[in-house]
Amino acid sequence: MTPEIEKAADVLLAAERSATPCPPVRDLLGEDGAASAYSVQRLNIARKLVGGRRVIGRKIGLTSPAVQHQLGVGQPDFGTLLSDMAVADGDTIGHRRLLQPKVEAEVALVLGADLPHVEPNVADVLRAVDFALPALEIVDSRIAGWDITFADTVADNASSGLFVLGGAPVPLTAVDLRSVRMTLLSDGTKVSEGSGADCLGGPLNAAVWLAATLAQLGDPLRAGDIVLTGALGPMAVAQFGQTFEARISGLGSVRVAFAAEDADETAQG
C-alpha cells in the first residue's frame, strides 16, 4: 500500500461522502495503473466493511467492445456490490444519493454454489447459478464529468452506484441468456436496446470471466452472491423525476424512479 494508493482512495471516498465529484486519480496510480487501481478499490471497500456494510456480490463492467476500445483496454473490469447499494423494484431513489447517474439494463445471476475454480467453464457456471433476474444498474462516477480511463473506473469500484433486481426468479433451464432481447424505457420512451449477445457474446461468458478472475485472486464467487453480468445495450443518462423500466425477454421487467429535484428529502433513498 503506497502513499499514492492511499491518497487516491481518500480522494474518491471524500467525493462520495461530500457528493462533490473529484478530479481523475489516474496520475496517482503510476505505470502499473490497473493493479494499483484495484488496490484503491479494495482499500475503500475494506473501509466500508469496517463501517458496517456487507459484500453481497460483484458487478462486471466494460463488457461492450466499443467501450473497451474507448478506454484502450481489451478486457472487462469488476467491482464489489455492497448491501446498501440494493434498491427494491419499483422504488424511488432520492436525488442526493448519486452524483452523475446513468442507467443500464442487465442480467443478474444469483449463485446457489461456490465457483472456486481458477479455470471455470460455462458448465461450471450453469451448475452454480440458482436463478437469473432482470436488473437495472445505476452506474455513477465520483470523477467529475465522467473523465475516466480504465484505471479511474477500476479505482472507483468500477463506477458502481446502485442496482435494482426484478422479483421473479427464472431458472437457466427456462431461458437462453444469449438470445434475450432488452428494451430500456424512460418514462415510456425507448432509450436503449440490445441483446444477451451484446454482453461479451452472452452473460454466461461474462460470468465465466469474473469467476476465473476472482478465483485467481484468491477471492472466488460464493453461494448467495449476486452477479451483475454487464450491460445489454448503451447506458442512458438519468435525470431528476425520470422513471426507467427494463424489459428483458424471458426474464420479465424491473423498474426504478428518480425523485424530482425538489422532492422531499424523506423520499425513499
C-alpha atoms as a PDB file:
ATOM      1  CA  MET A   1       0.000   0.000   0.000  1.00  0.00           C
ATOM      2  CA  THR A   2       1.735   3.128  -1.242  1.00  0.00           C
ATOM      3  CA  PRO A   3       1.021   6.746  -0.244  1.00  0.00           C
ATOM      4  CA  GLU A   4      -0.296   7.334  -3.769  1.00  0.00           C
ATOM      5  CA  ILE A   5      -2.806   4.484  -3.471  1.00  0.00           C
ATOM      6  CA  GLU A   6      -3.990   5.790  -0.104  1.00  0.00           C
ATOM      7  CA  LYS A   7      -4.305   9.316  -1.493  1.00  0.00           C
ATOM      8  CA  ALA A   8      -6.364   8.121  -4.477  1.00  0.00           C
ATOM      9  CA  ALA A   9      -8.629   6.158  -2.134  1.00  0.00           C
ATOM     10  CA  ASP A  10      -9.015   9.193   0.135  1.00  0.00           C
ATOM     11  CA  VAL A  11      -9.925  11.444  -2.807  1.00  0.00           C
ATOM     12  CA  LEU A  12     -12.610   9.067  -4.107  1.00  0.00           C
ATOM     13  CA  LEU A  13     -14.087   8.424  -0.675  1.00  0.00           C
ATOM     14  CA  ALA A  14     -14.226  12.150   0.090  1.00  0.00           C
ATOM     15  CA  ALA A  15     -16.010  12.784  -3.216  1.00  0.00           C
ATOM     16  CA  GLU A  16     -18.610  10.149  -2.377  1.00  0.00           C
ATOM     17  CA  ARG A  17     -19.200  11.406   1.153  1.00  0.00           C
ATOM     18  CA  SER A  18     -19.386  15.071   0.152  1.00  0.00           C
ATOM     19  CA  ALA A  19     -21.418  14.421  -3.031  1.00  0.00           C
ATOM     20  CA  THR A  20     -18.861  16.546  -4.882  1.00  0.00           C
ATOM     21  CA  PRO A  21     -17.136  14.982  -7.917  1.00  0.00           C
ATOM     22  CA  CYS A  22     -13.344  14.942  -7.830  1.00  0.00           C
ATOM     23  CA  PRO A  23     -10.597  15.155 -10.480  1.00  0.00           C
ATOM     24  CA  PRO A  24      -9.336  11.905 -12.064  1.00  0.00           C
ATOM     25  CA  VAL A  25      -6.990   9.808  -9.920  1.00  0.00           C
ATOM     26  CA  ARG A  26      -5.067   8.122 -12.745  1.00  0.00           C
ATOM     27  CA  ASP A  27      -1.963  10.290 -12.313  1.00  0.00           C
ATOM     28  CA  LEU A  28      -1.580   8.948  -8.777  1.00  0.00           C
ATOM     29  CA  LEU A  29      -1.523   5.324  -9.916  1.00  0.00           C
ATOM     30  CA  GLY A  30       1.681   5.230 -11.961  1.00  0.00           C
ATOM     31  CA  GLU A  31       2.612   2.967 -14.850  1.00  0.00           C
ATOM     32  CA  ASP A  32       1.038  -0.128 -13.282  1.00  0.00           C
ATOM     33  CA  GLY A  33      -2.301   1.643 -13.206  1.00  0.00           C
ATOM     34  CA  ALA A  34      -4.632  -1.360 -13.276  1.00  0.00           C
ATOM     35  CA  ALA A  35      -3.039  -3.195 -10.346  1.00  0.00           C
ATOM     36  CA  SER A  36      -2.840  -0.006  -8.306  1.00  0.00           C
ATOM     37  CA  ALA A  37      -6.439   0.849  -9.195  1.00  0.00           C
ATOM     38  CA  TYR A  38      -7.690  -2.477  -7.851  1.00  0.00           C
ATOM     39  CA  SER A  39      -5.676  -1.802  -4.683  1.00  0.00           C
ATOM     40  CA  VAL A  40      -7.527   1.509  -4.327  1.00  0.00           C
ATOM     41  CA  GLN A  41     -10.837  -0.272  -4.848  1.00  0.00           C
ATOM     42  CA  ARG A  42     -10.024  -2.924  -2.228  1.00  0.00           C
ATOM     43  CA  LEU A  43      -8.924  -0.298   0.297  1.00  0.00           C
ATOM     44  CA  ASN A  44     -12.159   1.663   0.068  1.00  0.00           C
ATOM     45  CA  ILE A  45     -14.285  -1.484   0.175  1.00  0.00           C
ATOM     46  CA  ALA A  46     -12.413  -2.560   3.323  1.00  0.00           C
ATOM     47  CA  ARG A  47     -13.090   0.841   4.885  1.00  0.00           C
ATOM     48  CA  LYS A  48     -16.814   0.494   4.155  1.00  0.00           C
ATOM     49  CA  LEU A  49     -16.938  -3.008   5.618  1.00  0.00           C
ATOM     50  CA  VAL A  50     -15.465  -1.651   8.834  1.00  0.00           C
ATOM     51  CA  GLY A  51     -18.314   0.847   8.776  1.00  0.00           C
ATOM     52  CA  GLY A  52     -20.875  -1.978   8.841  1.00  0.00           C
ATOM     53  CA  ARG A  53     -21.645  -2.640   5.179  1.00  0.00           C
ATOM     54  CA  ARG A  54     -21.697  -6.165   3.754  1.00  0.00           C
ATOM     55  CA  VAL A  55     -20.468  -7.666   0.475  1.00  0.00           C
ATOM     56  CA  ILE A  56     -23.368  -9.253  -1.406  1.00  0.00           C
ATOM     57  CA  GLY A  57     -21.847  -9.834  -4.843  1.00  0.00           C
ATOM     58  CA  ARG A  58     -19.933  -8.409  -7.778  1.00  0.00           C
ATOM     59  CA  LYS A  59     -20.560  -6.441 -10.936  1.00  0.00           C
ATOM     60  CA  ILE A  60     -18.877  -6.754 -14.301  1.00  0.00           C
ATOM     61  CA  GLY A  61     -18.171  -3.608 -16.281  1.00  0.00           C
ATOM     62  CA  LEU A  62     -16.805  -2.749 -19.708  1.00  0.00           C
ATOM     63  CA  THR A  63     -18.456  -5.703 -21.417  1.00  0.00           C
ATOM     64  CA  SER A  64     -19.047  -3.681 -24.586  1.00  0.00           C
ATOM     65  CA  PRO A  65     -16.226  -3.856 -27.182  1.00  0.00           C
ATOM     66  CA  ALA A  66     -16.945  -0.226 -28.100  1.00  0.00           C
ATOM     67  CA  VAL A  67     -16.432   0.961 -24.519  1.00  0.00           C
ATOM     68  CA  GLN A  68     -13.303  -1.187 -24.156  1.00  0.00           C
ATOM     69  CA  HIS A  69     -11.910   0.438 -27.293  1.00  0.00           C
ATOM     70  CA  GLN A  70     -12.766   3.884 -25.956  1.00  0.00           C
ATOM     71  CA  LEU A  71     -10.759   3.248 -22.771  1.00  0.00           C
ATOM     72  CA  GLY A  72      -7.936   1.422 -24.551  1.00  0.00           C
ATOM     73  CA  VAL A  73      -8.386  -1.974 -22.892  1.00  0.00           C
ATOM     74  CA  GLY A  74      -9.133  -5.480 -24.097  1.00  0.00           C
ATOM     75  CA  GLN A  75     -10.974  -6.900 -21.105  1.00  0.00           C
ATOM     76  CA  PRO A  76     -13.792  -6.112 -18.687  1.00  0.00           C
ATOM     77  CA  ASP A  77     -13.360  -4.908 -15.130  1.00  0.00           C
ATOM     78  CA  PHE A  78     -15.183  -5.725 -11.907  1.00  0.00           C
ATOM     79  CA  GLY A  79     -16.470  -4.023  -8.799  1.00  0.00           C
ATOM     80  CA  THR A  80     -17.992  -5.048  -5.491  1.00  0.00           C
ATOM     81  CA  LEU A  81     -21.692  -4.908  -4.614  1.00  0.00           C
ATOM     82  CA  LEU A  82     -22.432  -3.841  -1.049  1.00  0.00           C
ATOM     83  CA  SER A  83     -25.639  -4.289   0.902  1.00  0.00           C
ATOM     84  CA  ASP A  84     -26.562  -0.595   0.845  1.00  0.00           C
ATOM     85  CA  MET A  85     -26.426  -0.474  -2.974  1.00  0.00           C
ATOM     86  CA  ALA A  86     -29.581  -2.565  -3.408  1.00  0.00           C
ATOM     87  CA  VAL A  87     -32.825  -0.750  -4.278  1.00  0.00           C
ATOM     88  CA  ALA A  88     -36.177  -2.537  -4.350  1.00  0.00           C
ATOM     89  CA  ASP A  89     -38.008  -2.974  -7.637  1.00  0.00           C
ATOM     90  CA  GLY A  90     -40.329  -0.013  -8.167  1.00  0.00           C
ATOM     91  CA  ASP A  91     -38.769   2.231  -5.518  1.00  0.00           C
ATOM     92  CA  THR A  92     -37.747   5.881  -5.886  1.00  0.00           C
ATOM     93  CA  ILE A  93     -34.139   6.990  -5.456  1.00  0.00           C
ATOM     94  CA  GLY A  94     -33.553  10.253  -3.630  1.00  0.00           C
ATOM     95  CA  HIS A  95     -31.746  12.744  -5.843  1.00  0.00           C
ATOM     96  CA  ARG A  96     -28.879  13.384  -3.416  1.00  0.00           C
ATOM     97  CA  ARG A  97     -27.889   9.719  -3.244  1.00  0.00           C
ATOM     98  CA  LEU A  98     -25.928   9.818  -6.514  1.00  0.00           C
ATOM     99  CA  LEU A  99     -23.643  12.274  -8.300  1.00  0.00           C
ATOM    100  CA  GLN A 100     -23.811  11.605 -12.061  1.00  0.00           C
ATOM    101  CA  PRO A 101     -26.087   8.589 -12.548  1.00  0.00           C
ATOM    102  CA  LYS A 102     -26.588   6.599 -15.716  1.00  0.00           C
ATOM    103  CA  VAL A 103     -28.796   3.536 -16.147  1.00  0.00           C
ATOM    104  CA  GLU A 104     -28.002   0.173 -17.736  1.00  0.00           C
ATOM    105  CA  ALA A 105     -30.182  -2.905 -18.213  1.00  0.00           C
ATOM    106  CA  GLU A 106     -28.522  -6.196 -17.321  1.00  0.00           C
ATOM    107  CA  VAL A 107     -28.985  -9.845 -16.484  1.00  0.00           C
ATOM    108  CA  ALA A 108     -28.334 -10.646 -12.830  1.00  0.00           C
ATOM    109  CA  LEU A 109     -27.316 -14.123 -11.709  1.00  0.00           C
ATOM    110  CA  VAL A 110     -27.738 -15.374  -8.147  1.00  0.00           C
ATOM    111  CA  LEU A 111     -25.430 -18.225  -7.170  1.00  0.00           C
ATOM    112  CA  GLY A 112     -26.513 -21.343  -5.337  1.00  0.00           C
ATOM    113  CA  ALA A 113     -22.986 -22.781  -5.127  1.00  0.00           C
ATOM    114  CA  ASP A 114     -19.388 -21.570  -4.905  1.00  0.00           C
ATOM    115  CA  LEU A 115     -17.263 -21.058  -8.032  1.00  0.00           C
ATOM    116  CA  PRO A 116     -13.725 -21.707  -6.756  1.00  0.00           C
ATOM    117  CA  HIS A 117     -12.147 -22.993  -9.997  1.00  0.00           C
ATOM    118  CA  VAL A 118      -9.311 -20.949 -11.489  1.00  0.00           C
ATOM    119  CA  GLU A 119     -10.278 -22.136 -14.977  1.00  0.00           C
ATOM    120  CA  PRO A 120     -14.084 -22.369 -14.902  1.00  0.00           C
ATOM    121  CA  ASN A 121     -16.225 -23.056 -17.944  1.00  0.00           C
ATOM    122  CA  VAL A 122     -19.824 -22.339 -18.888  1.00  0.00           C
ATOM    123  CA  ALA A 123     -20.946 -25.691 -17.471  1.00  0.00           C
ATOM    124  CA  ASP A 124     -19.451 -24.785 -14.089  1.00  0.00           C
ATOM    125  CA  VAL A 125     -21.374 -21.502 -14.107  1.00  0.00           C
ATOM    126  CA  LEU A 126     -24.604 -23.204 -15.184  1.00  0.00           C
ATOM    127  CA  ARG A 127     -24.326 -25.642 -12.283  1.00  0.00           C
ATOM    128  CA  ALA A 128     -23.566 -22.887  -9.785  1.00  0.00           C
ATOM    129  CA  VAL A 129     -26.310 -20.424 -10.761  1.00  0.00           C
ATOM    130  CA  ASP A 130     -29.546 -20.767  -8.813  1.00  0.00           C
ATOM    131  CA  PHE A 131     -31.577 -18.338 -10.946  1.00  0.00           C
ATOM    132  CA  ALA A 132     -31.491 -15.241 -13.146  1.00  0.00           C
ATOM    133  CA  LEU A 133     -33.299 -11.916 -12.784  1.00  0.00           C
ATOM    134  CA  PRO A 134     -33.712  -8.770 -14.855  1.00  0.00           C
ATOM    135  CA  ALA A 135     -31.700  -5.920 -13.357  1.00  0.00           C
ATOM    136  CA  LEU A 136     -31.056  -2.217 -13.605  1.00  0.00           C
ATOM    137  CA  GLU A 137     -27.621  -0.982 -12.683  1.00  0.00           C
ATOM    138  CA  ILE A 138     -27.383   2.698 -11.842  1.00  0.00           C
ATOM    139  CA  VAL A 139     -23.751   3.405 -12.559  1.00  0.00           C
ATOM    140  CA  ASP A 140     -22.168   6.510 -11.100  1.00  0.00           C
ATOM    141  CA  SER A 141     -18.784   8.196 -11.124  1.00  0.00           C
ATOM    142  CA  ARG A 142     -17.159  10.118  -8.343  1.00  0.00           C
ATOM    143  CA  ILE A 143     -14.902  11.649 -11.016  1.00  0.00           C
ATOM    144  CA  ALA A 144     -16.093  14.947 -12.470  1.00  0.00           C
ATOM    145  CA  GLY A 145     -17.659  14.801 -15.923  1.00  0.00           C
ATOM    146  CA  TRP A 146     -17.059  11.045 -16.246  1.00  0.00           C
ATOM    147  CA  ASP A 147     -13.497  11.929 -17.309  1.00  0.00           C
ATOM    148  CA  ILE A 148     -12.265   8.383 -16.788  1.00  0.00           C
ATOM    149  CA  THR A 149      -9.671   5.936 -18.007  1.00  0.00           C
ATOM    150  CA  PHE A 150      -9.611   2.231 -17.168  1.00  0.00           C
ATOM    151  CA  ALA A 151      -7.594   2.967 -14.011  1.00  0.00           C
ATOM    152  CA  ASP A 152     -10.035   5.660 -12.876  1.00  0.00           C
ATOM    153  CA  THR A 153     -13.128   3.482 -13.189  1.00  0.00           C
ATOM    154  CA  VAL A 154     -11.492   0.457 -11.547  1.00  0.00           C
ATOM    155  CA  ALA A 155     -10.310   2.562  -8.608  1.00  0.00           C
ATOM    156  CA  ASP A 156     -13.835   3.970  -8.311  1.00  0.00           C
ATOM    157  CA  ASN A 157     -15.264   0.467  -7.726  1.00  0.00           C
ATOM    158  CA  ALA A 158     -15.950   0.056 -11.452  1.00  0.00           C
ATOM    159  CA  SER A 159     -18.144   3.184 -11.374  1.00  0.00           C
ATOM    160  CA  SER A 160     -20.685   1.411  -9.187  1.00  0.00           C
ATOM    161  CA  GLY A 161     -23.698   3.211  -7.799  1.00  0.00           C
ATOM    162  CA  LEU A 162     -26.878   1.279  -7.042  1.00  0.00           C
ATOM    163  CA  PHE A 163     -28.761  -1.651  -8.525  1.00  0.00           C
ATOM    164  CA  VAL A 164     -32.324  -2.939  -8.764  1.00  0.00           C
ATOM    165  CA  LEU A 165     -33.343  -6.584  -9.157  1.00  0.00           C
ATOM    166  CA  GLY A 166     -36.612  -7.857 -10.580  1.00  0.00           C
ATOM    167  CA  GLY A 167     -38.673 -10.045  -8.284  1.00  0.00           C
ATOM    168  CA  ALA A 168     -39.474 -13.174 -10.327  1.00  0.00           C
ATOM    169  CA  PRO A 169     -36.561 -15.682 -10.383  1.00  0.00           C
ATOM    170  CA  VAL A 170     -36.066 -17.619 -13.625  1.00  0.00           C
ATOM    171  CA  PRO A 171     -34.044 -20.869 -13.746  1.00  0.00           C
ATOM    172  CA  LEU A 172     -31.454 -21.045 -16.510  1.00  0.00           C
ATOM    173  CA  THR A 173     -33.178 -24.131 -17.899  1.00  0.00           C
ATOM    174  CA  ALA A 174     -36.047 -21.827 -18.905  1.00  0.00           C
ATOM    175  CA  VAL A 175     -34.125 -19.141 -20.806  1.00  0.00           C
ATOM    176  CA  ASP A 176     -31.270 -18.792 -23.304  1.00  0.00           C
ATOM    177  CA  LEU A 177     -29.443 -15.759 -21.958  1.00  0.00           C
ATOM    178  CA  ARG A 178     -27.504 -15.202 -25.167  1.00  0.00           C
ATOM    179  CA  SER A 179     -30.676 -14.665 -27.183  1.00  0.00           C
ATOM    180  CA  VAL A 180     -32.667 -12.485 -24.778  1.00  0.00           C
ATOM    181  CA  ARG A 181     -33.774  -9.088 -26.094  1.00  0.00           C
ATOM    182  CA  MET A 182     -33.647  -5.959 -23.946  1.00  0.00           C
ATOM    183  CA  THR A 183     -35.561  -2.700 -24.159  1.00  0.00           C
ATOM    184  CA  LEU A 184     -34.862   0.148 -21.726  1.00  0.00           C
ATOM    185  CA  LEU A 185     -37.627   2.735 -21.378  1.00  0.00           C
ATOM    186  CA  SER A 186     -37.520   6.167 -19.776  1.00  0.00           C
ATOM    187  CA  ASP A 187     -40.990   7.476 -18.971  1.00  0.00           C
ATOM    188  CA  GLY A 188     -42.316   5.096 -21.609  1.00  0.00           C
ATOM    189  CA  THR A 189     -39.884   6.154 -24.360  1.00  0.00           C
ATOM    190  CA  LYS A 190     -37.259   3.692 -25.601  1.00  0.00           C
ATOM    191  CA  VAL A 191     -33.747   4.938 -24.764  1.00  0.00           C
ATOM    192  CA  SER A 192     -31.694   1.759 -25.252  1.00  0.00           C
ATOM    193  CA  GLU A 193     -31.982  -1.726 -26.666  1.00  0.00           C
ATOM    194  CA  GLY A 194     -29.771  -4.740 -27.117  1.00  0.00           C
ATOM    195  CA  SER A 195     -29.426  -8.468 -26.592  1.00  0.00           C
ATOM    196  CA  GLY A 196     -27.685 -11.007 -24.446  1.00  0.00           C
ATOM    197  CA  ALA A 197     -25.108 -11.499 -27.176  1.00  0.00           C
ATOM    198  CA  ASP A 198     -24.085  -7.837 -26.787  1.00  0.00           C
ATOM    199  CA  CYS A 199     -22.614  -8.667 -23.364  1.00  0.00           C
ATOM    200  CA  LEU A 200     -19.293 -10.393 -24.171  1.00  0.00           C
ATOM    201  CA  GLY A 201     -21.161 -12.711 -26.511  1.00  0.00           C
ATOM    202  CA  GLY A 202     -23.520 -13.719 -23.687  1.00  0.00           C
ATOM    203  CA  PRO A 203     -23.941 -13.085 -19.948  1.00  0.00           C
ATOM    204  CA  LEU A 204     -22.610 -16.557 -19.124  1.00  0.00           C
ATOM    205  CA  ASN A 205     -19.331 -15.681 -20.859  1.00  0.00           C
ATOM    206  CA  ALA A 206     -19.074 -12.614 -18.655  1.00  0.00           C
ATOM    207  CA  ALA A 207     -19.742 -14.726 -15.561  1.00  0.00           C
ATOM    208  CA  VAL A 208     -17.031 -17.211 -16.570  1.00  0.00           C
ATOM    209  CA  TRP A 209     -14.545 -14.334 -16.912  1.00  0.00           C
ATOM    210  CA  LEU A 210     -15.455 -12.970 -13.494  1.00  0.00           C
ATOM    211  CA  ALA A 211     -15.334 -16.364 -11.788  1.00  0.00           C
ATOM    212  CA  ALA A 212     -11.885 -17.069 -13.229  1.00  0.00           C
ATOM    213  CA  THR A 213     -10.533 -13.625 -12.361  1.00  0.00           C
ATOM    214  CA  LEU A 214     -11.721 -13.715  -8.759  1.00  0.00           C
ATOM    215  CA  ALA A 215     -10.584 -17.317  -8.199  1.00  0.00           C
ATOM    216  CA  GLN A 216      -7.121 -16.401  -9.458  1.00  0.00           C
ATOM    217  CA  LEU A 217      -7.085 -13.535  -6.961  1.00  0.00           C
ATOM    218  CA  GLY A 218      -7.993 -15.906  -4.131  1.00  0.00           C
ATOM    219  CA  ASP A 219     -11.403 -14.312  -3.569  1.00  0.00           C
ATOM    220  CA  PRO A 220     -13.829 -16.554  -5.500  1.00  0.00           C
ATOM    221  CA  LEU A 221     -17.525 -16.131  -6.027  1.00  0.00           C
ATOM    222  CA  ARG A 222     -19.581 -17.790  -3.291  1.00  0.00           C
ATOM    223  CA  ALA A 223     -23.063 -19.244  -2.917  1.00  0.00           C
ATOM    224  CA  GLY A 224     -25.550 -16.436  -2.419  1.00  0.00           C
ATOM    225  CA  ASP A 225     -23.556 -13.879  -4.407  1.00  0.00           C
ATOM    226  CA  ILE A 226     -25.362 -11.605  -6.850  1.00  0.00           C
ATOM    227  CA  VAL A 227     -23.538 -11.115 -10.145  1.00  0.00           C
ATOM    228  CA  LEU A 228     -24.450  -8.229 -12.434  1.00  0.00           C
ATOM    229  CA  THR A 229     -23.155  -9.540 -15.744  1.00  0.00           C
ATOM    230  CA  GLY A 230     -22.891  -6.294 -17.722  1.00  0.00           C
ATOM    231  CA  ALA A 231     -24.940  -4.006 -19.905  1.00  0.00           C
ATOM    232  CA  LEU A 232     -27.065  -5.442 -22.706  1.00  0.00           C
ATOM    233  CA  GLY A 233     -27.117  -2.101 -24.540  1.00  0.00           C
ATOM    234  CA  PRO A 234     -25.989   1.532 -24.285  1.00  0.00           C
ATOM    235  CA  MET A 235     -26.426   3.309 -20.960  1.00  0.00           C
ATOM    236  CA  ALA A 236     -28.846   6.216 -20.547  1.00  0.00           C
ATOM    237  CA  VAL A 237     -28.249   9.377 -18.529  1.00  0.00           C
ATOM    238  CA  ALA A 238     -30.674   9.666 -15.602  1.00  0.00           C
ATOM    239  CA  GLN A 239     -32.404  12.958 -14.869  1.00  0.00           C
ATOM    240  CA  PHE A 240     -34.419  14.127 -11.875  1.00  0.00           C
ATOM    241  CA  GLY A 241     -38.002  12.904 -11.997  1.00  0.00           C
ATOM    242  CA  GLN A 242     -37.483  10.166 -14.582  1.00  0.00           C
ATOM    243  CA  THR A 243     -38.715   6.588 -14.331  1.00  0.00           C
ATOM    244  CA  PHE A 244     -36.811   3.747 -16.001  1.00  0.00           C
ATOM    245  CA  GLU A 245     -38.056   0.270 -16.851  1.00  0.00           C
ATOM    246  CA  ALA A 246     -36.062  -2.568 -18.387  1.00  0.00           C
ATOM    247  CA  ARG A 247     -37.893  -5.319 -20.236  1.00  0.00           C
ATOM    248  CA  ILE A 248     -35.851  -8.441 -20.954  1.00  0.00           C
ATOM    249  CA  SER A 249     -37.460 -11.275 -22.907  1.00  0.00           C
ATOM    250  CA  GLY A 250     -37.697 -14.483 -20.923  1.00  0.00           C
ATOM    251  CA  LEU A 251     -36.865 -12.705 -17.666  1.00  0.00           C
ATOM    252  CA  GLY A 252     -39.529 -10.046 -17.214  1.00  0.00           C
ATOM    253  CA  SER A 253     -39.168  -6.419 -16.215  1.00  0.00           C
ATOM    254  CA  VAL A 254     -37.693  -4.221 -13.488  1.00  0.00           C
ATOM    255  CA  ARG A 255     -38.384  -0.571 -12.690  1.00  0.00           C
ATOM    256  CA  VAL A 256     -36.979   2.346 -10.699  1.00  0.00           C
ATOM    257  CA  ALA A 257     -37.756   6.061 -10.396  1.00  0.00           C
ATOM    258  CA  PHE A 258     -35.560   9.067  -9.643  1.00  0.00           C
ATOM    259  CA  ALA A 259     -37.039  11.646  -7.306  1.00  0.00           C
ATOM    260  CA  ALA A 260     -37.723  15.114  -8.649  1.00  0.00           C
ATOM    261  CA  GLU A 261     -35.055  17.675  -7.748  1.00  0.00           C
ATOM    262  CA  ASP A 262     -37.395  19.461  -5.366  1.00  0.00           C
ATOM    263  CA  ALA A 263     -38.763  16.267  -3.834  1.00  0.00           C
ATOM    264  CA  ASP A 264     -38.936  16.000  -0.074  1.00  0.00           C
ATOM    265  CA  GLU A 265     -35.675  14.626   1.307  1.00  0.00           C
ATOM    266  CA  THR A 266     -37.557  11.969   3.214  1.00  0.00           C
ATOM    267  CA  ALA A 267     -38.320  10.181  -0.067  1.00  0.00           C
ATOM    268  CA  GLN A 268     -37.031   6.646  -0.427  1.00  0.00           C
ATOM    269  CA  GLY A 269     -33.236   6.548  -0.745  1.00  0.00           C
END
